[in-house]
Amino acid sequence: MDQHIDIDWTSCKAHGLCAELLPDHITLDEWGYPQLDGTPVPARTVKRARRAAADCPALALKLRPS
């Protein structure tokens, strides 16, 4: 089952850690807020995506099944 990344925009504080942990899926805009590529997270990357969600200082990153 594919997983997708979601961001809770009301919680996000633009720390940028998610882009450091998942550079293949997340880049930062000019203000430091994440921009998602919209593609499913491949199975080989799910563990890193879970870590990114758990390590987000604002807990704004979530993984959801497609």
PDB file of N, CA and C in Angstrom:
ATOM      1  N   MET A   1       0.842  -1.182   0.000  1.00  0.00           N
ATOM      2  CA  MET A   1       0.000   0.000   0.000  1.00  0.00           C
ATOM      3  C   MET A   1       0.886   1.244   0.000  1.00  0.00           C
ATOM      4  N   ASP A   2       0.586   2.163  -0.896  1.00  0.00           N
ATOM      5  CA  ASP A   2       1.355   3.404  -0.980  1.00  0.00           C
ATOM      6  C   ASP A   2       1.046   4.317   0.206  1.00  0.00           C
ATOM      7  N   GLN A   3       2.029   5.108   0.556  1.00  0.00           N
ATOM      8  CA  GLN A   3       1.887   6.107   1.610  1.00  0.00           C
ATOM      9  C   GLN A   3       2.122   7.484   0.988  1.00  0.00           C
ATOM     10  N   HIS A   4       1.447   8.487   1.513  1.00  0.00           N
ATOM     11  CA  HIS A   4       1.653   9.865   1.080  1.00  0.00           C
ATOM     12  C   HIS A   4       1.983  10.717   2.309  1.00  0.00           C
ATOM     13  N   ILE A   5       2.673  11.796   2.064  1.00  0.00           N
ATOM     14  CA  ILE A   5       3.030  12.736   3.121  1.00  0.00           C
ATOM     15  C   ILE A   5       1.997  13.854   3.142  1.00  0.00           C
ATOM     16  N   ASP A   6       1.538  14.198   4.313  1.00  0.00           N
ATOM     17  CA  ASP A   6       0.640  15.344   4.516  1.00  0.00           C
ATOM     18  C   ASP A   6       1.296  16.294   5.509  1.00  0.00           C
ATOM     19  N   ILE A   7       0.971  17.556   5.363  1.00  0.00           N
ATOM     20  CA  ILE A   7       1.482  18.574   6.290  1.00  0.00           C
ATOM     21  C   ILE A   7       0.304  19.294   6.918  1.00  0.00           C
ATOM     22  N   ASP A   8       0.324  19.417   8.227  1.00  0.00           N
ATOM     23  CA  ASP A   8      -0.662  20.208   8.953  1.00  0.00           C
ATOM     24  C   ASP A   8      -0.155  21.652   8.932  1.00  0.00           C
ATOM     25  N   TRP A   9      -0.693  22.435   8.014  1.00  0.00           N
ATOM     26  CA  TRP A   9      -0.183  23.790   7.802  1.00  0.00           C
ATOM     27  C   TRP A   9      -0.393  24.706   8.997  1.00  0.00           C
ATOM     28  N   THR A  10      -1.366  24.424   9.827  1.00  0.00           N
ATOM     29  CA  THR A  10      -1.563  25.271  11.003  1.00  0.00           C
ATOM     30  C   THR A  10      -0.513  24.996  12.065  1.00  0.00           C
ATOM     31  N   SER A  11       0.115  23.810  12.023  1.00  0.00           N
ATOM     32  CA  SER A  11       1.148  23.458  12.994  1.00  0.00           C
ATOM     33  C   SER A  11       2.558  23.745  12.498  1.00  0.00           C
ATOM     34  N   CYS A  12       2.768  23.718  11.189  1.00  0.00           N
ATOM     35  CA  CYS A  12       4.113  23.856  10.616  1.00  0.00           C
ATOM     36  C   CYS A  12       4.720  25.213  10.968  1.00  0.00           C
ATOM     37  N   LYS A  13       5.956  25.189  11.447  1.00  0.00           N
ATOM     38  CA  LYS A  13       6.676  26.409  11.825  1.00  0.00           C
ATOM     39  C   LYS A  13       7.926  26.620  10.975  1.00  0.00           C
ATOM     40  N   ALA A  14       8.054  25.892   9.872  1.00  0.00           N
ATOM     41  CA  ALA A  14       9.143  26.055   8.905  1.00  0.00           C
ATOM     42  C   ALA A  14      10.520  25.783   9.508  1.00  0.00           C
ATOM     43  N   HIS A  15      10.623  24.743  10.304  1.00  0.00           N
ATOM     44  CA  HIS A  15      11.922  24.356  10.847  1.00  0.00           C
ATOM     45  C   HIS A  15      12.825  23.768   9.763  1.00  0.00           C
ATOM     46  N   GLY A  16      12.242  23.090   8.776  1.00  0.00           N
ATOM     47  CA  GLY A  16      13.008  22.559   7.654  1.00  0.00           C
ATOM     48  C   GLY A  16      13.601  21.183   7.849  1.00  0.00           C
ATOM     49  N   LEU A  17      13.410  20.585   8.995  1.00  0.00           N
ATOM     50  CA  LEU A  17      13.980  19.264   9.256  1.00  0.00           C
ATOM     51  C   LEU A  17      13.434  18.218   8.286  1.00  0.00           C
ATOM     52  N   CYS A  18      12.185  18.331   7.907  1.00  0.00           N
ATOM     53  CA  CYS A  18      11.582  17.357   6.987  1.00  0.00           C
ATOM     54  C   CYS A  18      12.316  17.329   5.647  1.00  0.00           C
ATOM     55  N   ALA A  19      12.725  18.482   5.158  1.00  0.00           N
ATOM     56  CA  ALA A  19      13.448  18.540   3.884  1.00  0.00           C
ATOM     57  C   ALA A  19      14.843  17.940   4.018  1.00  0.00           C
ATOM     58  N   GLU A  20      15.436  18.056   5.179  1.00  0.00           N
ATOM     59  CA  GLU A  20      16.742  17.433   5.405  1.00  0.00           C
ATOM     60  C   GLU A  20      16.630  15.915   5.450  1.00  0.00           C
ATOM     61  N   LEU A  21      15.560  15.412   6.050  1.00  0.00           N
ATOM     62  CA  LEU A  21      15.394  13.971   6.196  1.00  0.00           C
ATOM     63  C   LEU A  21      14.799  13.303   4.955  1.00  0.00           C
ATOM     64  N   LEU A  22      14.037  14.038   4.169  1.00  0.00           N
ATOM     65  CA  LEU A  22      13.400  13.481   2.962  1.00  0.00           C
ATOM     66  C   LEU A  22      13.627  14.387   1.747  1.00  0.00           C
ATOM     67  N   PRO A  23      14.870  14.604   1.371  1.00  0.00           N
ATOM     68  CA  PRO A  23      15.147  15.541   0.274  1.00  0.00           C
ATOM     69  C   PRO A  23      14.588  15.097  -1.078  1.00  0.00           C
ATOM     70  N   ASP A  24      14.295  13.803  -1.244  1.00  0.00           N
ATOM     71  CA  ASP A  24      13.728  13.322  -2.507  1.00  0.00           C
ATOM     72  C   ASP A  24      12.252  13.687  -2.650  1.00  0.00           C
ATOM     73  N   HIS A  25      11.588  14.036  -1.549  1.00  0.00           N
ATOM     74  CA  HIS A  25      10.152  14.305  -1.574  1.00  0.00           C
ATOM     75  C   HIS A  25       9.775  15.707  -1.120  1.00  0.00           C
ATOM     76  N   ILE A  26      10.662  16.359  -0.370  1.00  0.00           N
ATOM     77  CA  ILE A  26      10.314  17.657   0.204  1.00  0.00           C
ATOM     78  C   ILE A  26      11.433  18.660  -0.074  1.00  0.00           C
ATOM     79  N   THR A  27      11.054  19.809  -0.605  1.00  0.00           N
ATOM     80  CA  THR A  27      11.969  20.937  -0.734  1.00  0.00           C
ATOM     81  C   THR A  27      11.387  22.080   0.092  1.00  0.00           C
ATOM     82  N   LEU A  28      12.153  23.140   0.254  1.00  0.00           N
ATOM     83  CA  LEU A  28      11.685  24.284   1.033  1.00  0.00           C
ATOM     84  C   LEU A  28      11.457  25.480   0.116  1.00  0.00           C
ATOM     85  N   ASP A  29      10.413  26.239   0.416  1.00  0.00           N
ATOM     86  CA  ASP A  29      10.175  27.457  -0.357  1.00  0.00           C
ATOM     87  C   ASP A  29      11.074  28.568   0.181  1.00  0.00           C
ATOM     88  N   GLU A  30      10.922  29.753  -0.341  1.00  0.00           N
ATOM     89  CA  GLU A  30      11.799  30.858   0.043  1.00  0.00           C
ATOM     90  C   GLU A  30      11.666  31.275   1.507  1.00  0.00           C
ATOM     91  N   TRP A  31      10.589  30.895   2.171  1.00  0.00           N
ATOM     92  CA  TRP A  31      10.381  31.210   3.589  1.00  0.00           C
ATOM     93  C   TRP A  31      10.700  30.037   4.492  1.00  0.00           C
ATOM     94  N   GLY A  32      11.118  28.919   3.901  1.00  0.00           N
ATOM     95  CA  GLY A  32      11.486  27.746   4.688  1.00  0.00           C
ATOM     96  C   GLY A  32      10.367  26.751   4.915  1.00  0.00           C
ATOM     97  N   TYR A  33       9.219  26.973   4.292  1.00  0.00           N
ATOM     98  CA  TYR A  33       8.107  26.043   4.431  1.00  0.00           C
ATOM     99  C   TYR A  33       8.244  24.904   3.415  1.00  0.00           C
ATOM    100  N   PRO A  34       7.815  23.718   3.789  1.00  0.00           N
ATOM    101  CA  PRO A  34       7.986  22.559   2.899  1.00  0.00           C
ATOM    102  C   PRO A  34       7.077  22.608   1.679  1.00  0.00           C
ATOM    103  N   GLN A  35       7.612  22.089   0.588  1.00  0.00           N
ATOM    104  CA  GLN A  35       6.850  21.886  -0.632  1.00  0.00           C
ATOM    105  C   GLN A  35       6.961  20.406  -0.967  1.00  0.00           C
ATOM    106  N   LEU A  36       5.822  19.748  -1.091  1.00  0.00           N
ATOM    107  CA  LEU A  36       5.789  18.319  -1.373  1.00  0.00           C
ATOM    108  C   LEU A  36       5.799  18.081  -2.874  1.00  0.00           C
ATOM    109  N   ASP A  37       6.440  16.980  -3.268  1.00  0.00           N
ATOM    110  CA  ASP A  37       6.431  16.650  -4.693  1.00  0.00           C
ATOM    111  C   ASP A  37       5.154  15.920  -5.095  1.00  0.00           C
ATOM    112  N   GLY A  38       4.360  15.454  -4.143  1.00  0.00           N
ATOM    113  CA  GLY A  38       3.074  14.834  -4.419  1.00  0.00           C
ATOM    114  C   GLY A  38       3.122  13.370  -4.818  1.00  0.00           C
ATOM    115  N   THR A  39       4.305  12.813  -4.924  1.00  0.00           N
ATOM    116  CA  THR A  39       4.413  11.407  -5.311  1.00  0.00           C
ATOM    117  C   THR A  39       4.286  10.520  -4.082  1.00  0.00           C
ATOM    118  N   PRO A  40       3.845   9.282  -4.265  1.00  0.00           N
ATOM    119  CA  PRO A  40       3.773   8.352  -3.134  1.00  0.00           C
ATOM    120  C   PRO A  40       5.176   8.069  -2.592  1.00  0.00           C
ATOM    121  N   VAL A  41       5.241   7.786  -1.319  1.00  0.00           N
ATOM    122  CA  VAL A  41       6.514   7.422  -0.691  1.00  0.00           C
ATOM    123  C   VAL A  41       6.774   5.949  -1.008  1.00  0.00           C
ATOM    124  N   PRO A  42       7.875   5.645  -1.684  1.00  0.00           N
ATOM    125  CA  PRO A  42       8.149   4.239  -1.997  1.00  0.00           C
ATOM    126  C   PRO A  42       8.435   3.433  -0.733  1.00  0.00           C
ATOM    127  N   ALA A  43       8.208   2.145  -0.816  1.00  0.00           N
ATOM    128  CA  ALA A  43       8.382   1.260   0.341  1.00  0.00           C
ATOM    129  C   ALA A  43       9.774   1.393   0.956  1.00  0.00           C
ATOM    130  N   ARG A  44      10.779   1.600   0.125  1.00  0.00           N
ATOM    131  CA  ARG A  44      12.158   1.696   0.646  1.00  0.00           C
ATOM    132  C   ARG A  44      12.402   2.980   1.444  1.00  0.00           C
ATOM    133  N   THR A  45      11.496   3.946   1.331  1.00  0.00           N
ATOM    134  CA  THR A  45      11.651   5.238   1.999  1.00  0.00           C
ATOM    135  C   THR A  45      10.698   5.427   3.167  1.00  0.00           C
ATOM    136  N   VAL A  46       9.769   4.525   3.361  1.00  0.00           N
ATOM    137  CA  VAL A  46       8.740   4.681   4.398  1.00  0.00           C
ATOM    138  C   VAL A  46       9.360   4.816   5.785  1.00  0.00           C
ATOM    139  N   LYS A  47      10.394   4.061   6.084  1.00  0.00           N
ATOM    140  CA  LYS A  47      11.027   4.137   7.413  1.00  0.00           C
ATOM    141  C   LYS A  47      11.580   5.543   7.663  1.00  0.00           C
ATOM    142  N   ARG A  48      12.248   6.130   6.658  1.00  0.00           N
ATOM    143  CA  ARG A  48      12.766   7.494   6.807  1.00  0.00           C
ATOM    144  C   ARG A  48      11.630   8.505   6.923  1.00  0.00           C
ATOM    145  N   ALA A  49      10.540   8.269   6.191  1.00  0.00           N
ATOM    146  CA  ALA A  49       9.395   9.176   6.260  1.00  0.00           C
ATOM    147  C   ALA A  49       8.752   9.137   7.645  1.00  0.00           C
ATOM    148  N   ARG A  50       8.658   7.962   8.217  1.00  0.00           N
ATOM    149  CA  ARG A  50       8.123   7.851   9.592  1.00  0.00           C
ATOM    150  C   ARG A  50       9.025   8.580  10.581  1.00  0.00           C
ATOM    151  N   ARG A  51      10.333   8.442  10.387  1.00  0.00           N
ATOM    152  CA  ARG A  51      11.275   9.133  11.273  1.00  0.00           C
ATOM    153  C   ARG A  51      11.118  10.648  11.125  1.00  0.00           C
ATOM    154  N   ALA A  52      10.983  11.118   9.896  1.00  0.00           N
ATOM    155  CA  ALA A  52      10.796  12.552   9.667  1.00  0.00           C
ATOM    156  C   ALA A  52       9.530  13.049  10.360  1.00  0.00           C
ATOM    157  N   ALA A  53       8.455  12.281  10.272  1.00  0.00           N
ATOM    158  CA  ALA A  53       7.204  12.670  10.931  1.00  0.00           C
ATOM    159  C   ALA A  53       7.370  12.699  12.450  1.00  0.00           C
ATOM    160  N   ALA A  54       8.072  11.721  12.984  1.00  0.00           N
ATOM    161  CA  ALA A  54       8.274  11.655  14.436  1.00  0.00           C
ATOM    162  C   ALA A  54       9.223  12.745  14.930  1.00  0.00           C
ATOM    163  N   ASP A  55      10.199  13.120  14.097  1.00  0.00           N
ATOM    164  CA  ASP A  55      11.205  14.106  14.498  1.00  0.00           C
ATOM    165  C   ASP A  55      10.798  15.547  14.233  1.00  0.00           C
ATOM    166  N   CYS A  56       9.691  15.768  13.526  1.00  0.00           N
ATOM    167  CA  CYS A  56       9.252  17.131  13.239  1.00  0.00           C
ATOM    168  C   CYS A  56       9.007  17.869  14.558  1.00  0.00           C
ATOM    169  N   PRO A  57       9.699  18.993  14.799  1.00  0.00           N
ATOM    170  CA  PRO A  57       9.527  19.717  16.063  1.00  0.00           C
ATOM    171  C   PRO A  57       8.086  20.172  16.322  1.00  0.00           C
ATOM    172  N   ALA A  58       7.339  20.441  15.259  1.00  0.00           N
ATOM    173  CA  ALA A  58       5.954  20.897  15.411  1.00  0.00           C
ATOM    174  C   ALA A  58       4.950  19.765  15.234  1.00  0.00           C
ATOM    175  N   LEU A  59       5.438  18.557  14.968  1.00  0.00           N
ATOM    176  CA  LEU A  59       4.588  17.385  14.701  1.00  0.00           C
ATOM    177  C   LEU A  59       3.571  17.684  13.595  1.00  0.00           C
ATOM    178  N   ALA A  60       4.019  18.416  12.568  1.00  0.00           N
ATOM    179  CA  ALA A  60       3.149  18.817  11.472  1.00  0.00           C
ATOM    180  C   ALA A  60       3.178  17.854  10.293  1.00  0.00           C
ATOM    181  N   LEU A  61       4.104  16.912  10.296  1.00  0.00           N
ATOM    182  CA  LEU A  61       4.238  15.969   9.187  1.00  0.00           C
ATOM    183  C   LEU A  61       3.548  14.665   9.520  1.00  0.00           C
ATOM    184  N   LYS A  62       2.748  14.175   8.580  1.00  0.00           N
ATOM    185  CA  LYS A  62       2.009  12.924   8.786  1.00  0.00           C
ATOM    186  C   LYS A  62       2.146  12.048   7.556  1.00  0.00           C
ATOM    187  N   LEU A  63       2.082  10.732   7.778  1.00  0.00           N
ATOM    188  CA  LEU A  63       2.005   9.771   6.688  1.00  0.00           C
ATOM    189  C   LEU A  63       0.592   9.215   6.675  1.00  0.00           C
ATOM    190  N   ARG A  64       0.046   9.079   5.486  1.00  0.00           N
ATOM    191  CA  ARG A  64      -1.287   8.502   5.364  1.00  0.00           C
ATOM    192  C   ARG A  64      -1.282   7.497   4.229  1.00  0.00           C
ATOM    193  N   PRO A  65      -2.076   6.463   4.355  1.00  0.00           N
ATOM    194  CA  PRO A  65      -2.194   5.505   3.257  1.00  0.00           C
ATOM    195  C   PRO A  65      -2.935   6.151   2.090  1.00  0.00           C
ATOM    196  N   SER A  66      -2.567   5.745   0.889  1.00  0.00           N
ATOM    197  CA  SER A  66      -3.213   6.293  -0.315  1.00  0.00           C
ATOM    198  C   SER A  66      -4.587   5.716  -0.508  1.00  0.00           C
TER     199      SER A  66
END
